[in-house]
Protein backbone atom coordinates (compact mmCIF):
# COMPACT_ATOMS: atom_id res chain seq x y z
CA MET A 1 -0.01 0.00 0.00
CA THR A 2 1.40 3.40 -0.97
CA PRO A 3 1.03 6.52 1.20
CA SER A 4 -1.38 7.98 -1.39
CA ALA A 5 -3.67 4.95 -1.47
CA PRO A 6 -5.23 4.17 1.93
CA ALA A 7 -7.35 1.01 1.94
CA GLY A 8 -10.52 2.35 3.57
CA PRO A 9 -12.01 5.07 5.80
CA ARG A 10 -9.91 4.24 8.88
CA ALA A 11 -6.73 4.05 6.86
CA ALA A 12 -7.58 7.35 5.16
CA ILE A 13 -8.11 9.03 8.54
CA ASP A 14 -4.78 7.72 9.75
CA ARG A 15 -3.03 8.96 6.61
CA LEU A 16 -4.61 12.41 7.01
CA GLU A 17 -3.23 12.49 10.54
CA GLN A 18 0.23 11.53 9.31
CA THR A 19 0.31 14.00 6.42
CA LEU A 20 -1.62 17.07 7.51
CA GLU A 21 -0.30 17.08 11.07
CA SER A 22 3.20 16.94 9.57
CA PHE A 23 2.37 19.99 7.41
CA ASP A 24 2.37 17.88 4.25
CA GLU A 25 -0.34 19.58 2.19
CA THR A 26 0.43 17.69 -1.02
CA GLY A 27 0.27 14.36 0.77
CA GLY A 28 -3.01 15.31 2.41
CA HIS A 29 -4.56 16.20 -0.93
CA ARG A 30 -3.42 12.86 -2.36
CA VAL A 31 -5.16 11.03 0.47
CA LEU A 32 -8.33 13.04 -0.02
CA GLY A 33 -8.28 12.57 -3.78
CA HIS A 34 -7.95 8.81 -3.47
CA ALA A 35 -10.73 8.67 -0.88
CA PHE A 36 -13.09 10.72 -3.06
CA GLU A 37 -12.32 8.47 -6.02
CA THR A 38 -12.75 5.15 -4.22
CA LEU A 39 -15.41 5.92 -1.60
CA GLY A 40 -17.33 8.68 -3.33
CA VAL A 41 -17.82 12.26 -2.19
CA GLU A 42 -20.63 11.74 0.31
CA GLU A 43 -19.07 8.69 1.98
CA THR A 44 -15.69 10.41 2.21
CA LEU A 45 -17.31 13.36 3.92
CA ALA A 46 -19.25 11.15 6.36
CA GLN A 47 -16.64 8.48 7.03
CA VAL A 48 -13.30 10.27 6.62
CA VAL A 49 -13.34 14.08 6.68
CA LEU A 50 -15.80 14.74 9.51
CA PRO A 51 -14.49 11.92 11.78
CA TYR A 52 -10.93 13.15 11.23
CA LEU A 53 -11.93 16.69 12.17
CA ARG A 54 -13.49 15.40 15.39
CA GLU A 55 -10.33 13.46 16.21
CA ILE A 56 -7.97 16.34 15.53
CA GLY A 57 -10.12 18.55 17.72
CA GLU A 58 -9.85 16.01 20.53
CA ARG A 59 -6.06 15.78 20.11
CA TRP A 60 -5.78 19.57 20.20
CA SER A 61 -7.94 19.74 23.35
CA ALA A 62 -5.77 17.07 24.98
CA GLY A 63 -2.61 18.98 24.09
CA SER A 64 -1.15 16.20 21.95
CA ILE A 65 -0.86 18.51 18.92
CA GLY A 66 -0.30 22.24 18.65
CA VAL A 67 -2.47 25.07 17.42
CA ALA A 68 -0.41 25.37 14.23
CA GLN A 69 -1.04 21.73 13.31
CA GLU A 70 -4.77 22.03 13.95
CA HIS A 71 -5.01 25.26 11.96
CA PHE A 72 -2.97 23.88 9.08
CA ALA A 73 -5.04 20.72 8.76
CA SER A 74 -8.30 22.63 9.07
CA ASN A 75 -7.28 25.16 6.42
CA VAL A 76 -6.33 22.42 3.94
CA LEU A 77 -9.65 20.67 4.46
CA ARG A 78 -11.60 23.93 4.28
CA SER A 79 -9.99 24.79 0.94
CA ARG A 80 -10.84 21.34 -0.45
CA LEU A 81 -14.44 21.49 0.70
CA SER A 82 -14.77 25.01 -0.67
CA VAL A 83 -13.79 23.70 -4.09
CA LEU A 84 -16.38 20.94 -3.82
CA LEU A 85 -19.04 23.41 -2.72
CA GLY A 86 -18.38 25.63 -5.72
CA THR A 87 -17.96 22.88 -8.31
CA LEU A 88 -21.56 22.78 -9.49
CA GLU A 89 -22.90 26.05 -10.86
CA ARG A 90 -26.64 25.57 -11.20
CA THR A 91 -29.18 27.84 -12.86
CA GLU A 92 -32.23 25.83 -11.78
CA GLY A 93 -33.39 23.79 -8.83
CA PRO A 94 -34.45 24.83 -5.32
CA LEU A 95 -32.26 27.33 -3.49
CA VAL A 96 -30.89 26.79 0.02
CA VAL A 97 -29.13 29.40 2.15
CA LEU A 98 -26.62 28.00 4.66
CA ALA A 99 -25.15 29.98 7.56
CA CYS A 100 -23.59 29.58 10.99
CA MET A 101 -25.14 31.55 13.81
CA PRO A 102 -23.25 34.56 15.27
CA GLY A 103 -20.12 33.47 17.13
CA GLU A 104 -20.14 30.01 15.55
CA GLN A 105 -16.86 29.27 13.76
CA HIS A 106 -17.32 25.50 13.27
CA GLU A 107 -18.54 25.31 9.69
CA PHE A 108 -17.34 21.97 8.32
CA GLY A 109 -20.62 20.19 8.99
CA LEU A 110 -22.52 23.00 7.30
CA MET A 111 -20.17 22.83 4.31
CA ALA A 112 -20.78 19.08 4.05
CA THR A 113 -24.53 19.64 4.10
CA GLY A 114 -24.21 22.22 1.33
CA ILE A 115 -22.06 19.92 -0.80
CA VAL A 116 -24.54 17.04 -0.55
CA LEU A 117 -27.52 19.27 -1.31
CA SER A 118 -25.69 20.70 -4.31
CA ARG A 119 -25.03 17.20 -5.60
CA LEU A 120 -28.72 16.42 -5.12
CA GLY A 121 -29.67 19.27 -7.43
CA TRP A 122 -30.01 22.29 -5.14
CA ARG A 123 -28.60 25.73 -5.75
CA THR A 124 -26.63 26.87 -2.70
CA CYS A 125 -25.89 30.24 -1.15
CA TYR A 126 -23.23 29.56 1.45
CA LEU A 127 -22.73 32.40 3.95
CA GLY A 128 -20.36 30.53 6.27
CA ALA A 129 -19.18 31.14 9.81
CA SER A 130 -20.62 33.66 12.27
CA THR A 131 -23.22 35.28 10.02
CA PRO A 132 -24.93 38.38 11.48
CA PRO A 133 -28.70 37.83 11.75
CA ALA A 134 -29.51 41.08 9.97
CA GLU A 135 -27.39 40.03 6.97
CA LEU A 136 -28.95 36.59 6.96
CA ALA A 137 -32.46 38.06 7.01
CA ARG A 138 -31.58 40.51 4.24
CA THR A 139 -30.19 37.68 2.10
CA CYS A 140 -33.37 35.65 2.56
CA ARG A 141 -35.59 38.60 1.68
CA THR A 142 -33.58 39.14 -1.49
CA LEU A 143 -33.24 35.52 -2.63
CA ARG A 144 -36.46 34.00 -1.25
CA PRO A 145 -34.88 30.55 -0.80
CA HIS A 146 -36.80 27.32 -0.60
CA ALA A 147 -34.93 26.43 2.62
CA VAL A 148 -32.48 27.84 5.14
CA VAL A 149 -30.02 25.74 7.14
CA LEU A 150 -28.57 27.31 10.30
CA SER A 151 -25.78 25.74 12.33
CA ALA A 152 -24.53 26.20 15.90
CA ARG A 153 -22.90 24.01 18.53
CA ARG A 154 -24.76 25.77 21.38
CA ALA A 155 -28.53 25.98 21.73
CA THR A 156 -28.14 29.48 23.17
CA ALA A 157 -26.77 30.69 19.82
CA PHE A 158 -30.14 29.85 18.26
CA ALA A 159 -32.23 31.01 21.21
CA ALA A 160 -30.53 34.41 21.34
CA HIS A 161 -31.74 35.18 17.81
CA ALA A 162 -35.03 33.29 17.86
CA PRO A 163 -37.16 36.34 16.85
CA VAL A 164 -35.17 36.77 13.62
CA VAL A 165 -35.32 33.06 12.87
CA ARG A 166 -39.08 32.98 13.49
CA ARG A 167 -39.59 35.83 11.03
CA MET A 168 -37.61 33.92 8.40
CA ALA A 169 -39.70 30.83 9.12
CA GLU A 170 -42.84 32.76 8.08
CA THR A 171 -41.71 32.76 4.45
CA THR A 172 -39.33 29.81 4.08
CA SER A 173 -38.47 26.44 5.58
CA VAL A 174 -35.85 26.86 8.34
CA HIS A 175 -33.73 23.94 9.54
CA LEU A 176 -31.41 23.91 12.56
CA ALA A 177 -28.27 21.76 12.52
CA ALA A 178 -25.31 20.71 14.70
CA PRO A 179 -25.32 19.88 18.45
CA GLY A 180 -27.08 23.12 19.40
CA ALA A 181 -30.18 22.10 17.46
CA THR A 182 -32.37 20.66 20.21
CA ASP A 183 -36.08 19.94 19.97
CA GLU A 184 -36.77 22.77 22.42
CA VAL A 185 -34.85 25.44 20.52
CA ALA A 186 -36.30 24.26 17.21
CA ALA A 187 -39.80 24.76 18.61
CA LEU A 188 -38.78 28.18 19.94
CA CYS A 189 -37.53 29.20 16.49
CA HIS A 190 -40.49 27.68 14.59
CA ALA A 191 -37.90 25.59 12.73
CA GLU A 192 -37.22 21.97 11.91
CA ARG A 193 -34.35 20.10 13.52
CA LEU A 194 -31.91 18.27 11.25
CA VAL A 195 -31.05 14.93 12.84
CA GLY A 196 -28.01 12.79 12.12
CA ASP A 197 -24.63 13.51 10.58
CA PRO A 198 -24.49 16.31 7.98
CA VAL A 199 -24.62 13.94 5.02
CA THR A 200 -27.63 12.03 6.35
CA ALA A 201 -29.32 15.30 7.33
CA ALA A 202 -28.89 16.75 3.84
CA ARG A 203 -30.36 13.65 2.25
CA ARG A 204 -33.32 13.74 4.64
CA LEU A 205 -33.93 17.44 4.01
CA HIS A 206 -33.95 16.76 0.28
CA ALA A 207 -36.34 13.82 0.63
CA ASP A 208 -38.69 15.70 2.95
CA ALA A 209 -38.70 18.88 0.81
CA GLY A 210 -40.53 17.15 -2.03
CA VAL A 211 -39.03 19.48 -4.62
CA ASP A 212 -38.04 18.83 -8.20
CA ALA A 213 -34.23 18.85 -8.12
CA PRO A 214 -32.31 17.44 -11.08
CA GLY A 215 -29.59 15.76 -9.04
CA LEU A 216 -26.20 14.77 -10.43
CA LEU A 217 -26.84 11.60 -12.37
CA GLY A 218 -27.33 13.40 -15.66
CA HIS A 219 -24.73 16.04 -14.89
CA PRO A 220 -21.24 15.83 -16.47
CA ASP A 221 -19.65 16.12 -13.03
CA HIS A 222 -21.34 12.95 -11.74
CA PRO A 223 -18.84 10.06 -11.39
CA ASP A 224 -21.22 7.74 -13.27
CA HIS A 225 -21.74 10.11 -16.20
CA PRO A 226 -20.29 8.52 -19.38
CA ASP A 227 -18.54 11.74 -20.46
CA LEU A 228 -16.57 12.16 -17.23
CA ASP A 229 -12.84 11.63 -17.65
CA GLU A 230 -11.47 9.86 -14.56
CA SER A 231 -8.53 12.23 -14.53
CA THR A 232 -10.90 15.14 -13.78
CA ALA A 233 -12.83 13.42 -10.98
CA VAL A 234 -12.69 14.94 -7.47
């Protein structure tokens, strides 16, 4: 087995630890590229990227790695997910706005949700970390999205801005994600709670929305599309 070809999810996680935490960006991208090719985008997100991010966070909290290592690895992964999020430029399909609540900097789960929804045929407007409520509300008034996904690790981040979220929920479907999305705060915000990991949650949102989204199967970027050159696959 070569360093660029881990055998499965656990091996890929281990190789990300070895490469990214040694500041080897090229090696990390090789591991990610092989995982995307062999496991698929959604499974790599669910089984490799997000578990690795949880593990590196635990190692940082325990003091077994430094801030520089954690920041380096996170920045490499963020850049890769940003490319995935922007790969599909759609002109049709339902629109979803995705944002982290004020003070929330953990955005990887939200990015994964956006990537999966995009691959399922949605147009995405990704606002990212720590989005001011006024800006979020203005964006929704302008774009009139079919759905909004908000993310926070603390329930208080949702509760503190519940009036704004409730006003958005009057005109669009609002979904709360991440550990802060409890049943109680969802009821307070007149929103739906997204349950499960970000990939599962995105699939469930899509299924429950009942909208006509073209998906990827007929799109040239889909790995099963006959016109896709393997050398250009993610």
